[in-house]
Protein backbone atom coordinates (compact mmCIF):
# COMPACT_ATOMS: atom_id res chain seq x y z
CA MET A 1 20.26 7.33 23.47
CA LEU A 2 22.54 8.98 20.89
CA ILE A 3 20.05 11.82 20.45
CA GLU A 4 20.05 12.44 24.21
CA VAL A 5 23.85 12.67 24.19
CA PHE A 6 24.46 14.74 21.07
CA PHE A 7 21.40 17.05 21.06
CA PRO A 8 22.54 19.12 24.10
CA ILE A 9 26.00 19.45 22.52
CA MET A 10 24.53 20.57 19.20
CA MET A 11 22.31 23.12 20.96
CA LYS A 12 25.28 24.43 22.94
CA TYR A 13 27.26 25.15 19.77
CA CYS A 14 24.42 26.04 17.39
CA TRP A 15 25.42 29.71 17.60
CA LEU A 16 28.79 28.78 16.20
CA PHE A 17 27.29 26.96 13.21
CA ILE A 18 25.04 29.97 12.53
CA LEU A 19 28.09 32.24 12.69
CA PHE A 20 29.95 30.07 10.20
CA LEU A 21 26.99 30.00 7.83
CA GLY A 22 26.69 33.77 7.97
CA THR A 23 30.41 34.28 7.51
CA GLY A 24 30.42 31.82 4.63
CA TRP A 25 27.62 33.79 2.93
CA LEU A 26 29.54 37.04 3.31
CA SER A 27 32.66 35.27 2.09
CA ALA A 28 30.84 34.03 -1.02
CA ARG A 29 29.67 37.56 -1.81
CA GLY A 30 33.13 38.98 -1.32
CA GLN A 31 34.72 36.22 -3.36
CA SER A 32 32.33 36.71 -6.25
CA GLN A 33 33.36 40.36 -6.33
CA ASP A 34 37.04 39.43 -6.08
CA THR A 35 36.68 37.17 -9.11
CA LEU A 36 35.67 40.19 -11.21
CA VAL A 37 37.94 42.92 -9.90
CA ASN A 38 41.00 41.21 -8.43
CA ARG A 39 44.09 41.93 -10.50
CA SER A 40 46.53 40.05 -8.30
CA ARG A 41 45.16 36.53 -8.41
CA PRO A 42 47.26 33.94 -6.52
CA LEU A 43 49.63 31.78 -8.49
CA PHE A 44 47.85 28.60 -7.34
CA PRO A 45 44.20 28.74 -6.16
CA ARG A 46 44.41 25.33 -4.41
CA LEU A 47 47.23 23.87 -2.38
CA LEU A 48 48.14 20.58 -0.73
CA GLU A 49 49.88 21.23 2.56
CA LEU A 50 52.04 18.91 4.68
CA SER A 51 53.47 20.12 7.96
CA ILE A 52 55.06 19.18 11.25
CA SER A 53 54.43 21.28 14.31
CA GLY A 54 55.33 21.55 17.94
CA ALA A 55 52.51 21.44 20.46
CA SER A 56 52.59 22.05 24.19
CA TYR A 57 50.06 21.70 27.01
CA ARG A 58 49.16 24.02 29.85
CA GLY A 59 47.06 22.83 32.78
CA ASP A 60 47.31 21.19 36.19
CA LEU A 61 50.10 18.88 35.04
CA GLY A 62 52.27 21.35 33.15
CA ASN A 63 52.86 24.89 31.97
CA TYR A 64 54.22 24.54 28.42
CA GLN A 65 57.31 22.67 29.71
CA LYS A 66 57.02 19.75 27.28
CA TRP A 67 56.73 19.92 23.51
CA SER A 68 55.71 17.12 21.19
CA ALA A 69 55.43 16.56 17.45
CA ILE A 70 52.16 17.02 15.58
CA PHE A 71 51.75 16.02 11.92
CA GLN A 72 49.24 17.69 9.62
CA ALA A 73 47.93 17.30 6.10
CA ALA A 74 45.58 19.88 4.63
CA TYR A 75 43.80 20.94 1.46
CA ARG A 76 43.85 24.72 1.21
CA PHE A 77 41.61 26.96 -0.89
CA ASN A 78 43.75 29.92 -1.87
CA GLY A 79 41.90 31.68 -4.66
CA PHE A 80 40.48 34.85 -3.12
CA ARG A 81 41.67 38.07 -1.56
CA ARG A 82 39.50 38.23 1.57
CA PHE A 83 38.37 34.81 2.78
CA ASN A 84 39.75 31.35 2.13
CA GLY A 85 39.17 27.92 3.62
CA ARG A 86 41.27 25.01 4.78
CA LEU A 87 40.44 21.36 5.49
CA GLY A 88 42.98 19.78 7.81
CA LEU A 89 43.72 16.36 9.30
CA THR A 90 46.01 16.30 12.35
CA ARG A 91 47.69 13.43 14.22
CA GLY A 92 49.96 13.63 17.26
CA PHE A 93 50.03 13.83 21.04
CA VAL A 94 50.60 16.15 23.98
CA THR A 95 51.91 15.22 27.40
CA GLY A 96 52.31 16.67 30.87
CA GLU A 97 53.62 15.68 34.28
CA ASN A 98 53.52 17.06 37.81
CA ARG A 99 54.72 14.44 40.29
CA PHE A 100 53.66 16.54 43.29
CA TYR A 101 50.12 17.35 42.17
CA THR A 102 47.40 16.74 44.77
CA PHE A 103 43.94 18.13 45.41
CA ARG A 104 41.76 18.60 48.50
CA ASP A 105 38.09 17.98 47.93
CA GLY A 106 35.18 19.92 49.44
CA GLU A 107 35.49 17.96 52.71
CA GLY A 108 39.22 18.64 53.01
CA ASN A 109 40.27 15.13 52.02
CA LEU A 110 43.57 14.89 50.16
CA THR A 111 43.15 13.14 46.79
CA THR A 112 45.79 12.02 44.32
CA PRO A 113 44.74 12.18 40.67
CA ASN A 114 47.06 11.00 37.94
CA THR A 115 50.32 12.96 37.94
CA PHE A 116 51.22 12.11 34.30
CA PHE A 117 49.27 11.90 31.08
CA ARG A 118 49.78 11.48 27.37
CA ALA A 119 46.84 12.42 25.15
CA ASN A 120 46.91 10.90 21.66
CA LEU A 121 45.04 13.20 19.27
CA LEU A 122 43.37 12.77 15.89
CA SER A 123 41.37 15.71 14.58
CA PHE A 124 39.58 16.89 11.46
CA VAL A 125 39.02 20.64 11.16
CA TYR A 126 37.64 23.21 8.74
CA GLU A 127 39.16 26.68 9.13
CA LEU A 128 37.93 29.96 7.71
CA GLU A 129 40.83 32.34 7.03
CA TYR A 130 40.64 36.13 6.78
CA ASN A 131 43.53 37.71 4.87
CA LEU A 132 45.30 40.56 6.61
CA TYR A 133 47.71 40.85 3.68
CA PHE A 134 47.40 39.28 0.24
CA SER A 135 49.55 39.18 -2.91
CA ARG A 136 50.39 36.65 -5.61
CA HIS A 137 53.16 35.19 -3.47
CA VAL A 138 52.46 36.15 0.14
CA ARG A 139 49.47 35.81 2.43
CA VAL A 140 49.10 36.70 6.12
CA TYR A 141 45.83 35.66 7.73
CA LEU A 142 43.77 35.13 10.86
CA SER A 143 41.96 31.80 11.14
CA GLN A 144 39.03 30.42 13.09
CA GLY A 145 38.04 26.79 12.75
CA ILE A 146 35.61 24.16 13.90
CA GLY A 147 36.22 20.45 14.01
CA LEU A 148 36.07 17.19 15.87
CA VAL A 149 38.95 15.66 17.81
CA ARG A 150 39.37 12.14 19.14
CA PHE A 151 41.60 11.94 22.21
CA VAL A 152 42.81 8.93 24.19
CA VAL A 153 44.47 9.75 27.53
CA LYS A 154 47.03 7.28 28.92
CA ASP A 155 49.29 7.06 31.94
CA ALA A 156 53.04 6.37 32.03
CA GLU A 157 52.41 2.62 31.74
CA GLY A 158 50.22 3.04 28.66
CA GLN A 159 46.94 2.33 30.46
CA ASN A 160 43.82 4.17 29.36
CA LEU A 161 43.07 6.65 32.14
CA ALA A 162 39.38 6.77 31.20
CA ASP A 163 39.15 3.19 32.53
CA LEU A 164 41.00 3.95 35.79
CA THR A 165 38.17 5.36 37.89
CA ASP A 166 40.36 5.75 40.99
CA THR A 167 42.13 8.70 39.30
CA ARG A 168 39.04 10.93 39.55
CA PRO A 169 35.66 11.05 41.35
CA PHE A 170 33.62 7.91 40.80
CA GLU A 171 30.76 9.73 39.01
CA GLU A 172 33.05 11.27 36.37
CA ILE A 173 32.73 9.42 33.07
CA TYR A 174 33.82 10.89 29.75
CA GLY A 175 34.08 9.89 26.11
CA ASN A 176 36.87 10.18 23.58
CA PHE A 177 35.42 12.87 21.28
CA ALA A 178 35.15 16.64 21.65
CA PHE A 179 34.62 19.73 19.54
CA GLN A 180 37.64 21.79 18.59
CA LEU A 181 37.64 25.55 17.86
CA PRO A 182 41.21 26.39 16.77
CA THR A 183 42.19 30.06 16.57
CA GLY A 184 45.44 31.33 15.12
CA LEU A 185 47.61 33.60 12.99
CA GLY A 186 49.41 32.30 9.92
CA PHE A 187 51.29 33.12 6.75
CA HIS A 188 52.60 31.46 3.61
CA TYR A 189 54.89 32.28 0.72
CA LEU A 190 54.52 30.66 -2.69
CA PHE A 191 57.30 30.18 -5.22
CA ARG A 192 56.67 30.18 -8.96
CA ASN A 193 57.29 26.43 -9.20
CA GLY A 194 54.29 25.64 -7.00
CA PHE A 195 56.18 24.96 -3.78
CA GLY A 196 56.06 27.18 -0.75
CA VAL A 197 56.62 27.60 2.97
CA GLY A 198 54.26 28.69 5.68
CA GLY A 199 53.68 28.90 9.39
CA TRP A 200 50.89 29.12 11.96
CA LEU A 201 50.66 29.70 15.68
CA GLY A 202 47.60 29.49 17.84
CA PHE A 203 45.45 27.58 20.28
CA TRP A 204 43.55 24.35 19.63
CA ASN A 205 40.65 25.22 21.99
CA ILE A 206 39.52 21.63 22.53
CA GLN A 207 36.15 21.73 24.27
CA THR A 208 36.75 19.18 27.00
CA ASP A 209 37.84 19.29 30.61
CA PHE A 210 39.39 15.82 30.44
CA LEU A 211 42.38 16.33 28.17
CA ASP A 212 44.60 15.47 31.15
CA ASN A 213 41.96 13.23 32.82
CA ILE A 214 41.47 15.83 35.59
CA SER A 215 38.25 17.78 35.98
CA ALA A 216 36.62 17.95 39.43
CA TRP A 217 40.02 17.48 41.08
CA ALA A 218 41.54 20.29 39.02
CA THR A 219 42.65 23.75 40.08
CA LYS A 220 42.54 25.11 36.51
CA ALA A 221 39.52 25.20 34.23
CA GLU A 222 40.81 22.99 31.42
CA GLY A 223 43.92 21.94 29.57
CA ILE A 224 45.13 24.27 26.81
CA ILE A 225 47.19 23.32 23.77
CA PHE A 226 49.40 25.91 22.07
CA SER A 227 50.87 24.95 18.71
CA ILE A 228 53.43 26.30 16.24
CA PHE A 229 53.94 24.75 12.84
CA VAL A 230 56.12 25.30 9.79
CA SER A 231 55.01 23.69 6.54
CA PRO A 232 56.50 23.13 3.10
CA PHE A 233 53.82 22.71 0.40
């Protein structure tokens, strides 16, 4: 049963794993060369990062009107000029509300999905970072990641919307896990004492249509999360 569920998902994203393997091989080659010729090695090749960010949702129940707090902890590899990696753990939530949202199905019947949601999120992500600018103190980079996110969607009363089948077509059943492909632009500045500050902005790209519990009764393809964070480390 598990194979039948996960095998189609793995096949769908196998191209992404191949891309990461290929990029990692190129990164390893570039990093081995950097080790020999780089004369501006970073002050600290590994960093522990703690951050708080603001995240906002765009979809059928909102358009970036509400912001919520997201907390992150990460272990960052910072030793090379071209490519670096980051392992991150994120916990927080996003929310949205549209009290007047309705949807007409294919037969013209007026339906009323949930008009509020709060999605509690827990994710683990690996990000590959490409340095646009690099020095001993400063780094500006583009990042592309892959990870797994657990999401639990609740209504205003705290009820799990996945269990409330009257909020969507009867045949729609979904789980609490999805792939995540975060894309962003970031920077950090390191002081000589080992502390630093940094920032990142980008999109989470969670691969599910049920972040707000609305799929078939939706007018937009899927919910989008935009996030900005500032981190001392």
